[in-house]
Amino acid sequence: MTDPASADVVRRYAAAAVADTAFPVVFKTASGCRIEDLEGKTYTDFISGYGVVNTGWQRPEVLAALEQQARTACFAPPWLPTREATHLAEELLALAPPSTRVCARATGGAEANEVAVKAHFAHRGGKVLVVGRAYHGGTTRALALSDGNRFGLPPTPVPDAPRVPPAYCYRCPYGKTYPGCSLECAQAVEHAARADPAITGLLLEPVIGSGGAIVPPRAYFDAIQDICARCNLTLILDEVLTGCGRVGAFLAADAFGLRPHAVTLAKGLGGGYVPIGAALLDRELADALSRYEDVSATLAWTPLACAAALANVRVIRDERLAENARVMGGRLLAALKELFARVLPAHTGEVRGMGLLIGIELVKNQTTKEPAVQLAKRVVLRCLRAGLMVGTSWDWNTLIIMPPLTLDEATMGEALGVLETVLKRVAGASGA
């Protein structure tokens, strides 16, 4: 039963703001891996604001950096360099692949992707090829680069980008099984580039996030790197979700051995403290972009945002949170595989993940693999009532697990206990 005060806020918010209100919970505050609502109820956070709160909620180090910076300067004219922006850029480039040499500013993920694509167009023109089931942001061009048909995104006046199927082994669009296939999903990139010489770039999420936490095999990326070289394609990695330690390395590019021409960051970069994004560019893309005026937003990389992001990134670095994501993510993935196979065997399609980005695909039948959308919704809402916040893919096919990278054994055990109780109830109610 929702408290009257919470119900009133939900009603007023829905009337006054255009927003996604999926949960009947009013956020009040949070700390570490815990969220507290307006009624004082606490929840174990296993979604991190959809991959934003990588260092945990309300880190003292970041709060101190915000307070100190606020006393000096919150904003600076975008045409003036600042020490804060300089320090952040240098820190990011030190952590980035050596193929990227310069930072371009942004206020968030969609804008970071826009900046990277803008730099590519400034350098080479042509078209950017994208991958199915991907989401690259809510701005007009980013929507055209995303899989609008899959996720019901609004139409835009920008023509949709050419698209190839994803490396989605559980539901292979080519009816093949990995290993043993010919990586038709990677070959599709080369076929598209050969068929249309106007295609000069490739934009992809290394791990598809909102589309279902889909992790391609390493061989796919080896093939993609070779294809980009053979076909002279600019490789742009959307690491808005996978970056900043989420997948067990600071960047998925590191984990997969990729040498991208551009990498985009947001979400975990600001950690939920400030709106900020970045496009890390190679020298040619940066030089092409710098030939034009007005290439970044007025509020991109303010001193306040840079100070917070720098403190946040240093926590990730100094506490080795990417390594913790790798280790704890491996343990969590193994535990989730065991739990779902034991409690919900008939409806568990695939449990997959990398680091602390994990997806559990639920199905009505393991033979037909028909998605069990209503089952996923029941699990999410029952978990919420039991004090555990988990998420889903946009199509509700897949449960998404993304706790803060500070996850420890005790918090993981507590969350798994809640999840097991919920699954047993769901299984009993559905006769699974």
Protein backbone atom coordinates (compact mmCIF):
# COMPACT_ATOMS: atom_id res chain seq x y z
CA MET A 1 0.00 0.00 0.00
CA THR A 2 1.48 3.33 -1.09
CA ASP A 3 1.59 6.06 1.54
CA PRO A 4 -0.82 8.96 0.77
CA ALA A 5 2.08 11.43 0.64
CA SER A 6 3.91 9.27 -1.91
CA ALA A 7 0.77 8.74 -3.95
CA ASP A 8 0.25 12.50 -4.04
CA VAL A 9 3.80 13.12 -5.32
CA VAL A 10 3.41 10.41 -7.99
CA ARG A 11 0.11 11.95 -9.13
CA ARG A 12 1.45 15.51 -9.23
CA TYR A 13 4.67 14.46 -10.94
CA ALA A 14 2.76 12.60 -13.64
CA ALA A 15 0.59 15.65 -14.22
CA ALA A 16 3.42 18.19 -14.30
CA ALA A 17 6.32 16.35 -15.97
CA VAL A 18 6.77 14.28 -19.11
CA ALA A 19 8.75 11.38 -17.69
CA ASP A 20 8.91 7.63 -17.31
CA THR A 21 7.25 6.71 -14.00
CA ALA A 22 7.55 2.94 -13.92
CA PHE A 23 7.71 2.39 -10.14
CA PRO A 24 5.17 3.64 -7.55
CA VAL A 25 8.08 4.74 -5.36
CA VAL A 26 9.12 8.31 -4.56
CA PHE A 27 12.90 8.62 -4.25
CA LYS A 28 14.15 10.46 -1.17
CA THR A 29 17.84 9.67 -0.64
CA ALA A 30 20.44 6.93 -0.96
CA SER A 31 23.73 5.77 0.48
CA GLY A 32 26.17 3.12 -0.68
CA CYS A 33 24.02 0.36 -2.20
CA ARG A 34 20.79 1.45 -0.46
CA ILE A 35 17.95 3.63 -1.68
CA GLU A 36 15.38 5.16 0.66
CA ASP A 37 11.92 6.28 -0.44
CA LEU A 38 9.69 9.02 0.91
CA GLU A 39 8.06 6.58 3.33
CA GLY A 40 11.39 5.56 4.86
CA LYS A 41 11.48 2.13 3.22
CA THR A 42 14.91 1.03 2.00
CA TYR A 43 15.83 -0.98 -1.08
CA THR A 44 18.97 -2.83 -2.06
CA ASP A 45 20.05 -1.15 -5.27
CA PHE A 46 20.74 -3.64 -8.05
CA ILE A 47 20.26 -1.25 -10.98
CA SER A 48 22.39 1.84 -10.10
CA GLY A 49 20.06 4.26 -11.86
CA TYR A 50 20.56 2.08 -14.96
CA GLY A 51 24.32 1.92 -14.72
CA VAL A 52 24.99 5.44 -13.44
CA VAL A 53 25.96 5.11 -9.78
CA ASN A 54 29.14 3.10 -10.34
CA THR A 55 30.92 4.28 -7.18
CA GLY A 56 27.87 3.97 -4.93
CA TRP A 57 25.48 6.62 -3.67
CA GLN A 58 26.69 9.73 -1.82
CA ARG A 59 30.43 9.09 -1.84
CA PRO A 60 32.13 11.47 0.64
CA GLU A 61 35.05 12.03 -1.74
CA VAL A 62 32.80 13.27 -4.52
CA LEU A 63 30.61 15.31 -2.21
CA ALA A 64 33.71 17.02 -0.80
CA ALA A 65 34.93 17.82 -4.32
CA LEU A 66 31.53 19.29 -5.18
CA GLU A 67 31.45 21.43 -2.05
CA GLN A 68 34.98 22.72 -2.52
CA GLN A 69 34.45 23.50 -6.20
CA ALA A 70 31.14 25.23 -5.56
CA ARG A 71 32.96 27.73 -3.36
CA THR A 72 35.33 28.58 -6.22
CA ALA A 73 33.34 28.40 -9.45
CA CYS A 74 30.39 26.35 -10.66
CA PHE A 75 30.36 27.60 -14.26
CA ALA A 76 32.88 29.03 -16.69
CA PRO A 77 32.30 30.43 -20.19
CA PRO A 78 32.76 27.52 -22.59
CA TRP A 79 35.40 29.41 -24.58
CA LEU A 80 37.73 29.63 -21.56
CA PRO A 81 39.89 26.69 -20.46
CA THR A 82 39.78 25.64 -16.80
CA ARG A 83 42.08 23.60 -14.62
CA GLU A 84 39.21 21.30 -13.77
CA ALA A 85 38.48 20.46 -17.42
CA THR A 86 42.18 20.03 -18.12
CA HIS A 87 42.67 17.62 -15.22
CA LEU A 88 39.61 15.56 -16.18
CA ALA A 89 40.63 15.31 -19.83
CA GLU A 90 44.14 14.23 -18.90
CA GLU A 91 42.81 11.62 -16.46
CA LEU A 92 40.42 10.15 -19.02
CA LEU A 93 43.03 10.01 -21.77
CA ALA A 94 45.43 8.25 -19.41
CA LEU A 95 42.78 5.54 -18.91
CA ALA A 96 41.66 5.39 -22.55
CA PRO A 97 42.99 3.30 -25.46
CA PRO A 98 46.08 4.86 -27.05
CA SER A 99 44.14 5.26 -30.30
CA THR A 100 42.20 8.13 -28.70
CA ARG A 101 44.14 11.33 -28.05
CA VAL A 102 41.69 14.20 -27.38
CA CYS A 103 38.53 14.76 -25.30
CA ALA A 104 35.43 16.48 -26.64
CA ARG A 105 32.92 17.79 -24.12
CA ALA A 106 29.28 16.78 -23.67
CA THR A 107 26.55 17.01 -21.05
CA GLY A 108 25.39 13.39 -21.34
CA GLY A 109 25.37 10.17 -23.33
CA ALA A 110 23.20 11.16 -26.27
CA GLU A 111 25.20 14.33 -26.77
CA ALA A 112 28.50 12.44 -26.49
CA ASN A 113 27.34 10.13 -29.27
CA GLU A 114 26.21 13.12 -31.31
CA VAL A 115 29.65 14.72 -30.88
CA ALA A 116 31.48 11.56 -31.96
CA VAL A 117 29.27 11.13 -35.01
CA LYS A 118 29.56 14.86 -35.76
CA ALA A 119 33.35 14.56 -35.69
CA HIS A 120 33.17 11.59 -38.06
CA PHE A 121 30.95 13.51 -40.49
CA ALA A 122 33.29 16.50 -40.29
CA HIS A 123 36.22 14.24 -41.12
CA ARG A 124 34.76 11.95 -43.76
CA GLY A 125 31.05 12.46 -44.39
CA GLY A 126 29.01 9.52 -45.60
CA LYS A 127 26.83 7.24 -43.48
CA VAL A 128 27.33 5.55 -40.12
CA LEU A 129 26.33 1.89 -39.89
CA VAL A 130 24.70 0.79 -36.63
CA VAL A 131 23.77 -2.48 -34.94
CA GLY A 132 20.27 -3.71 -34.11
CA ARG A 133 18.86 -3.65 -30.55
CA ALA A 134 21.11 -0.70 -29.69
CA TYR A 135 20.07 2.52 -27.99
CA HIS A 136 22.29 5.58 -28.42
CA GLY A 137 20.26 8.36 -26.79
CA GLY A 138 17.16 10.51 -26.99
CA THR A 139 18.28 13.40 -29.20
CA THR A 140 17.05 13.52 -32.76
CA ARG A 141 20.10 12.07 -34.47
CA ALA A 142 20.78 9.61 -31.65
CA LEU A 143 17.23 8.29 -32.00
CA ALA A 144 17.83 7.76 -35.71
CA LEU A 145 20.93 5.75 -34.80
CA SER A 146 18.97 3.64 -32.29
CA ASP A 147 16.67 0.70 -32.92
CA GLY A 148 13.43 2.65 -32.91
CA ASN A 149 11.29 -0.22 -34.17
CA ARG A 150 12.44 -2.50 -31.37
CA PHE A 151 11.89 -0.03 -28.55
CA GLY A 152 9.00 2.10 -29.77
CA LEU A 153 11.07 5.27 -30.04
CA PRO A 154 9.49 8.41 -31.51
CA PRO A 155 10.02 9.06 -35.23
CA THR A 156 12.44 11.77 -36.29
CA PRO A 157 13.00 13.80 -39.47
CA VAL A 158 16.49 12.29 -39.66
CA PRO A 159 16.60 9.17 -41.87
CA ASP A 160 17.32 5.98 -39.96
CA ALA A 161 20.90 4.80 -40.18
CA PRO A 162 21.71 1.63 -42.12
CA ARG A 163 21.60 -1.31 -39.73
CA VAL A 164 22.96 -4.85 -39.34
CA PRO A 165 21.81 -7.57 -36.89
CA PRO A 166 23.54 -7.79 -33.51
CA ALA A 167 25.83 -10.56 -32.30
CA TYR A 168 22.97 -12.08 -30.33
CA CYS A 169 23.99 -15.71 -29.95
CA TYR A 170 20.95 -16.80 -27.90
CA ARG A 171 18.63 -15.61 -30.68
CA CYS A 172 20.98 -15.76 -33.65
CA PRO A 173 19.29 -14.00 -36.59
CA TYR A 174 21.12 -16.41 -38.89
CA GLY A 175 20.00 -19.57 -37.10
CA LYS A 176 23.58 -20.52 -36.24
CA THR A 177 25.29 -21.62 -33.03
CA TYR A 178 28.51 -20.19 -31.62
CA PRO A 179 31.14 -21.56 -31.72
CA GLY A 180 30.82 -23.31 -35.03
CA CYS A 181 29.33 -20.45 -37.01
CA SER A 182 31.17 -18.21 -39.45
CA LEU A 183 30.44 -15.04 -37.44
CA GLU A 184 27.80 -14.02 -39.94
CA CYS A 185 26.92 -11.11 -37.63
CA ALA A 186 30.39 -9.64 -38.16
CA GLN A 187 30.41 -10.47 -41.85
CA ALA A 188 27.18 -8.49 -42.18
CA VAL A 189 29.17 -5.34 -41.40
CA GLU A 190 31.56 -6.01 -44.27
CA HIS A 191 28.73 -6.93 -46.65
CA ALA A 192 26.92 -3.67 -45.82
CA ALA A 193 30.07 -1.59 -46.29
CA ARG A 194 30.91 -3.26 -49.60
CA ALA A 195 27.34 -2.88 -50.85
CA ASP A 196 27.14 0.83 -49.99
CA PRO A 197 30.39 2.80 -50.44
CA ALA A 198 28.74 5.75 -48.65
CA ILE A 199 29.08 3.82 -45.37
CA THR A 200 32.23 5.18 -43.74
CA GLY A 201 31.70 4.48 -40.04
CA LEU A 202 30.42 1.90 -37.57
CA LEU A 203 28.78 2.78 -34.24
CA LEU A 204 28.15 0.02 -31.72
CA GLU A 205 27.69 -0.76 -28.05
CA PRO A 206 30.36 -3.32 -27.08
CA VAL A 207 27.80 -4.89 -24.77
CA ILE A 208 24.26 -4.09 -25.81
CA GLY A 209 22.66 -2.61 -22.71
CA SER A 210 19.02 -1.60 -22.96
CA GLY A 211 18.57 -4.26 -25.63
CA GLY A 212 19.20 -7.03 -23.13
CA ALA A 213 22.77 -7.11 -21.72
CA ILE A 214 23.95 -8.97 -24.82
CA VAL A 215 27.66 -9.88 -24.71
CA PRO A 216 29.18 -10.82 -28.08
CA PRO A 217 32.02 -13.35 -28.16
CA ARG A 218 35.59 -12.03 -28.28
CA ALA A 219 35.97 -13.44 -31.81
CA TYR A 220 33.25 -11.05 -32.98
CA PHE A 221 35.32 -8.05 -31.96
CA ASP A 222 38.47 -9.47 -33.50
CA ALA A 223 36.55 -9.76 -36.75
CA ILE A 224 35.03 -6.28 -36.41
CA GLN A 225 38.45 -4.71 -35.86
CA ASP A 226 39.78 -6.41 -39.01
CA ILE A 227 36.71 -5.45 -41.05
CA CYS A 228 36.96 -1.80 -40.03
CA ALA A 229 40.59 -1.80 -41.17
CA ARG A 230 39.85 -3.53 -44.48
CA CYS A 231 36.82 -1.41 -45.28
CA ASN A 232 38.31 1.82 -43.88
CA LEU A 233 35.48 2.33 -41.40
CA THR A 234 35.66 4.74 -38.47
CA LEU A 235 34.98 2.64 -35.36
CA ILE A 236 32.93 4.49 -32.73
CA LEU A 237 32.23 2.70 -29.44
CA ASP A 238 29.25 3.80 -27.39
CA GLU A 239 30.53 3.08 -23.88
CA VAL A 240 28.01 5.28 -22.11
CA LEU A 241 26.85 2.20 -20.18
CA THR A 242 29.86 -0.12 -20.40
CA GLY A 243 32.50 2.49 -19.56
CA CYS A 244 33.93 3.57 -16.21
CA GLY A 245 34.46 0.06 -14.87
CA ARG A 246 31.05 -1.48 -15.42
CA VAL A 247 32.20 -4.54 -17.41
CA GLY A 248 35.29 -5.39 -15.37
CA ALA A 249 37.72 -3.06 -17.13
CA PHE A 250 37.66 0.71 -17.26
CA LEU A 251 36.45 0.40 -20.86
CA ALA A 252 35.03 -2.53 -22.79
CA ALA A 253 37.50 -1.52 -25.49
CA ASP A 254 40.27 -2.67 -23.14
CA ALA A 255 38.54 -5.94 -22.34
CA PHE A 256 37.98 -6.78 -26.01
CA GLY A 257 41.29 -5.47 -27.30
CA LEU A 258 39.73 -2.87 -29.57
CA ARG A 259 41.44 0.18 -31.08
CA PRO A 260 38.52 2.56 -31.66
CA HIS A 261 38.70 5.92 -33.38
CA ALA A 262 36.21 7.28 -30.83
CA VAL A 263 34.77 6.24 -27.46
CA THR A 264 31.80 7.91 -25.77
CA LEU A 265 31.25 8.10 -22.01
CA ALA A 266 28.54 9.39 -19.67
CA LYS A 267 26.44 7.65 -16.97
CA GLY A 268 29.20 6.25 -14.70
CA LEU A 269 31.49 9.17 -15.61
CA GLY A 270 29.45 11.59 -13.52
CA GLY A 271 28.24 8.91 -11.14
CA GLY A 272 24.87 10.60 -10.74
CA TYR A 273 26.36 13.71 -9.15
CA VAL A 274 26.48 15.90 -12.25
CA PRO A 275 25.35 15.75 -15.87
CA ILE A 276 28.45 15.14 -17.99
CA GLY A 277 29.59 13.15 -20.99
CA ALA A 278 32.67 12.88 -23.16
CA ALA A 279 33.73 11.76 -26.60
CA LEU A 280 37.33 10.54 -26.70
CA LEU A 281 38.58 11.06 -30.26
CA ASP A 282 41.61 10.16 -32.31
CA ARG A 283 43.65 13.04 -33.67
CA GLU A 284 42.06 13.08 -37.13
CA LEU A 285 38.51 13.23 -35.77
CA ALA A 286 39.47 15.92 -33.27
CA ASP A 287 41.20 18.02 -35.93
CA ALA A 288 38.18 17.75 -38.22
CA LEU A 289 35.81 18.81 -35.45
CA SER A 290 38.01 21.73 -34.42
CA ARG A 291 37.66 23.31 -37.87
CA TYR A 292 34.11 24.32 -36.94
CA GLU A 293 32.61 26.66 -34.40
CA ASP A 294 30.01 25.80 -31.74
CA VAL A 295 30.88 22.14 -31.35
CA SER A 296 29.87 21.69 -27.68
CA ALA A 297 27.05 22.70 -25.38
CA THR A 298 27.26 25.80 -23.20
CA LEU A 299 26.85 23.74 -20.03
CA ALA A 300 29.23 20.94 -21.03
CA TRP A 301 32.16 20.39 -18.66
CA THR A 302 31.51 23.17 -16.19
CA PRO A 303 34.12 23.40 -13.43
CA LEU A 304 31.60 21.89 -11.00
CA ALA A 305 30.86 18.94 -13.29
CA CYS A 306 34.53 18.33 -14.03
CA ALA A 307 35.53 18.42 -10.35
CA ALA A 308 32.85 15.88 -9.45
CA ALA A 309 33.60 13.63 -12.42
CA LEU A 310 37.33 13.73 -11.69
CA ALA A 311 36.78 12.74 -8.05
CA ASN A 312 34.41 9.99 -9.19
CA VAL A 313 36.86 8.59 -11.76
CA ARG A 314 39.65 8.64 -9.19
CA VAL A 315 37.52 6.58 -6.81
CA ILE A 316 37.03 4.03 -9.60
CA ARG A 317 40.77 4.01 -10.26
CA ASP A 318 42.10 4.09 -6.70
CA GLU A 319 39.65 1.53 -5.29
CA ARG A 320 40.11 -0.74 -8.31
CA LEU A 321 36.37 -0.88 -8.81
CA ALA A 322 36.69 -2.25 -12.33
CA GLU A 323 38.54 -5.23 -10.85
CA ASN A 324 35.87 -5.57 -8.16
CA ALA A 325 33.24 -5.56 -10.91
CA ARG A 326 35.11 -8.33 -12.68
CA VAL A 327 35.49 -10.51 -9.59
CA MET A 328 32.11 -9.86 -7.96
CA GLY A 329 30.40 -9.91 -11.34
CA GLY A 330 31.77 -13.39 -12.00
CA ARG A 331 30.51 -14.61 -8.63
CA LEU A 332 27.13 -12.95 -9.07
CA LEU A 333 26.71 -14.35 -12.57
CA ALA A 334 27.49 -17.88 -11.36
CA ALA A 335 25.07 -17.51 -8.44
CA LEU A 336 22.30 -16.20 -10.69
CA LYS A 337 22.77 -19.06 -13.15
CA GLU A 338 22.45 -21.58 -10.32
CA LEU A 339 19.49 -19.82 -8.75
CA PHE A 340 17.40 -19.45 -11.89
CA ALA A 341 18.21 -22.97 -13.11
CA ARG A 342 17.11 -24.36 -9.75
CA VAL A 343 14.02 -22.26 -9.03
CA LEU A 344 12.72 -21.19 -12.44
CA PRO A 345 14.20 -23.77 -14.86
CA ALA A 346 11.38 -23.91 -17.40
CA HIS A 347 11.36 -20.14 -17.91
CA THR A 348 15.06 -19.27 -17.81
CA GLY A 349 16.30 -18.75 -21.33
CA GLU A 350 19.82 -17.46 -20.79
CA VAL A 351 21.77 -15.84 -17.95
CA ARG A 352 24.62 -13.80 -19.40
CA GLY A 353 26.78 -10.85 -18.52
CA MET A 354 30.14 -9.19 -18.21
CA GLY A 355 31.38 -7.60 -15.01
CA LEU A 356 28.43 -6.11 -13.16
CA LEU A 357 26.22 -5.86 -16.24
CA ILE A 358 24.08 -8.99 -16.18
CA GLY A 359 20.93 -10.02 -18.02
CA ILE A 360 18.52 -12.89 -17.31
CA GLU A 361 16.32 -13.61 -20.31
CA LEU A 362 12.98 -15.12 -19.32
CA VAL A 363 10.96 -17.23 -21.76
CA LYS A 364 7.56 -18.92 -21.85
CA ASN A 365 9.11 -22.04 -23.32
CA GLN A 366 12.76 -23.01 -23.69
CA THR A 367 12.12 -24.60 -27.07
CA THR A 368 10.29 -21.71 -28.73
CA LYS A 369 12.15 -19.07 -26.69
CA GLU A 370 9.04 -16.88 -26.71
CA PRO A 371 9.73 -13.97 -24.33
CA ALA A 372 7.94 -14.08 -20.98
CA VAL A 373 7.23 -10.37 -20.66
CA GLN A 374 4.54 -10.62 -18.00
CA LEU A 375 6.70 -12.92 -15.92
CA ALA A 376 9.55 -10.41 -16.03
CA LYS A 377 7.18 -7.65 -14.91
CA ARG A 378 5.96 -9.77 -12.00
CA VAL A 379 9.51 -10.50 -10.88
CA VAL A 380 10.52 -6.83 -11.00
CA LEU A 381 7.47 -5.61 -9.07
CA ARG A 382 7.64 -8.39 -6.48
CA CYS A 383 11.33 -7.64 -5.95
CA LEU A 384 10.47 -3.98 -5.47
CA ARG A 385 7.88 -4.82 -2.82
CA ALA A 386 10.45 -7.06 -1.10
CA GLY A 387 13.06 -4.29 -1.02
CA LEU A 388 15.21 -5.10 -4.05
CA MET A 389 15.46 -2.87 -7.13
CA VAL A 390 16.26 -4.60 -10.41
CA GLY A 391 15.64 -3.44 -13.97
CA THR A 392 14.71 -4.80 -17.37
CA SER A 393 15.53 -4.32 -21.01
CA TRP A 394 13.29 -1.90 -22.85
CA ASP A 395 11.23 -4.71 -24.32
CA TRP A 396 10.86 -6.42 -20.91
CA ASN A 397 12.39 -9.63 -22.31
CA THR A 398 15.37 -9.54 -19.97
CA LEU A 399 15.90 -8.77 -16.30
CA ILE A 400 18.85 -6.41 -15.91
CA ILE A 401 21.17 -6.58 -12.87
CA MET A 402 23.62 -3.66 -12.46
CA PRO A 403 24.56 -2.98 -8.82
CA PRO A 404 27.12 -0.34 -7.91
CA LEU A 405 30.70 -1.45 -8.53
CA THR A 406 31.31 -1.32 -4.78
CA LEU A 407 29.23 -4.49 -4.38
CA ASP A 408 30.41 -6.72 -1.52
CA GLU A 409 29.65 -10.31 -0.50
CA ALA A 410 27.18 -9.35 2.22
CA THR A 411 25.08 -7.12 -0.03
CA MET A 412 25.17 -9.69 -2.82
CA GLY A 413 24.06 -12.45 -0.47
CA GLU A 414 21.20 -10.36 0.88
CA ALA A 415 19.98 -9.49 -2.63
CA LEU A 416 20.19 -13.10 -3.79
CA GLY A 417 18.15 -14.16 -0.76
CA VAL A 418 15.39 -11.69 -1.63
CA LEU A 419 15.48 -12.74 -5.27
CA GLU A 420 15.24 -16.44 -4.36
CA THR A 421 12.19 -15.80 -2.20
CA VAL A 422 10.53 -13.83 -5.00
CA LEU A 423 11.31 -16.45 -7.63
CA LYS A 424 9.90 -19.24 -5.48
CA ARG A 425 6.67 -17.30 -5.03
CA VAL A 426 6.46 -16.52 -8.71
CA ALA A 427 7.20 -20.14 -9.62
CA GLY A 428 4.53 -21.36 -7.21
CA ALA A 429 1.94 -18.91 -8.50
CA SER A 430 2.62 -19.77 -12.16
CA GLY A 431 3.11 -23.50 -11.66
CA ALA A 432 6.57 -23.25 -13.19
